[in-house]
């Protein structure tokens, strides 16, 4: 159960980091 939660958390953070990177990149254009 804990393992699944850890996996979801890491996937969630990967998506958020990608979104932040995209946002910063687009705001510099």
N, C-alpha and C. Protein backbone atom coordinates (compact mmCIF):
# COMPACT_ATOMS: atom_id res chain seq x y z
N UNK A 1 0.83 -1.21 0.00
CA UNK A 1 0.00 0.00 0.00
C UNK A 1 0.87 1.26 0.00
N UNK A 2 1.86 1.27 0.89
CA UNK A 2 2.77 2.41 0.96
C UNK A 2 3.53 2.58 -0.35
N UNK A 3 3.93 1.47 -0.94
CA UNK A 3 4.70 1.51 -2.18
C UNK A 3 3.91 2.20 -3.29
N UNK A 4 2.64 1.89 -3.38
CA UNK A 4 1.78 2.48 -4.42
C UNK A 4 1.70 4.00 -4.21
N UNK A 5 1.57 4.40 -2.95
CA UNK A 5 1.47 5.83 -2.65
C UNK A 5 2.77 6.55 -3.00
N UNK A 6 3.89 5.92 -2.70
CA UNK A 6 5.19 6.51 -3.06
C UNK A 6 5.31 6.66 -4.57
N UNK A 7 4.86 5.65 -5.30
CA UNK A 7 4.92 5.68 -6.76
C UNK A 7 4.07 6.82 -7.31
N UNK A 8 2.85 6.95 -6.81
CA UNK A 8 1.94 8.01 -7.26
C UNK A 8 2.54 9.37 -6.94
N UNK A 9 3.12 9.51 -5.76
CA UNK A 9 3.74 10.78 -5.36
C UNK A 9 4.87 11.15 -6.30
N UNK A 10 5.74 10.20 -6.63
CA UNK A 10 6.87 10.50 -7.51
C UNK A 10 6.39 10.86 -8.91
N UNK A 11 5.40 10.14 -9.42
CA UNK A 11 4.83 10.45 -10.74
C UNK A 11 4.24 11.86 -10.73
N UNK A 12 3.52 12.18 -9.65
CA UNK A 12 2.89 13.49 -9.47
C UNK A 12 3.93 14.59 -9.52
N UNK A 13 5.04 14.40 -8.81
CA UNK A 13 6.10 15.42 -8.78
C UNK A 13 6.80 15.55 -10.11
N UNK A 14 6.97 14.44 -10.83
CA UNK A 14 7.59 14.50 -12.16
C UNK A 14 6.73 15.36 -13.09
N UNK A 15 5.42 15.17 -13.04
CA UNK A 15 4.49 15.95 -13.87
C UNK A 15 4.56 17.42 -13.49
N UNK A 16 4.54 17.70 -12.19
CA UNK A 16 4.58 19.10 -11.72
C UNK A 16 5.87 19.78 -12.15
N UNK A 17 7.00 19.08 -11.99
CA UNK A 17 8.29 19.66 -12.38
C UNK A 17 8.31 19.93 -13.88
N UNK A 18 7.76 19.03 -14.67
CA UNK A 18 7.70 19.22 -16.12
C UNK A 18 6.85 20.45 -16.45
N UNK A 19 5.72 20.60 -15.76
CA UNK A 19 4.85 21.75 -15.99
C UNK A 19 5.54 23.06 -15.63
N UNK A 20 6.26 23.07 -14.51
CA UNK A 20 6.97 24.28 -14.09
C UNK A 20 8.05 24.62 -15.11
N UNK A 21 8.77 23.61 -15.58
CA UNK A 21 9.83 23.84 -16.57
C UNK A 21 9.23 24.41 -17.85
N UNK A 22 8.11 23.85 -18.30
CA UNK A 22 7.43 24.34 -19.50
C UNK A 22 6.99 25.78 -19.30
N UNK A 23 6.43 26.08 -18.13
CA UNK A 23 5.94 27.42 -17.84
C UNK A 23 7.07 28.44 -17.87
N UNK A 24 8.20 28.10 -17.24
CA UNK A 24 9.37 28.99 -17.22
C UNK A 24 9.89 29.19 -18.64
N UNK A 25 9.98 28.10 -19.39
CA UNK A 25 10.48 28.16 -20.77
C UNK A 25 9.57 29.05 -21.63
N UNK A 26 8.25 28.86 -21.51
CA UNK A 26 7.31 29.63 -22.32
C UNK A 26 7.30 31.10 -21.90
N UNK A 27 7.47 31.38 -20.62
CA UNK A 27 7.44 32.76 -20.15
C UNK A 27 8.67 33.54 -20.61
N UNK A 28 9.74 32.82 -20.98
CA UNK A 28 10.95 33.48 -21.46
C UNK A 28 10.88 33.79 -22.95
N UNK A 29 9.90 33.23 -23.64
CA UNK A 29 9.79 33.46 -25.09
C UNK A 29 9.20 34.84 -25.39
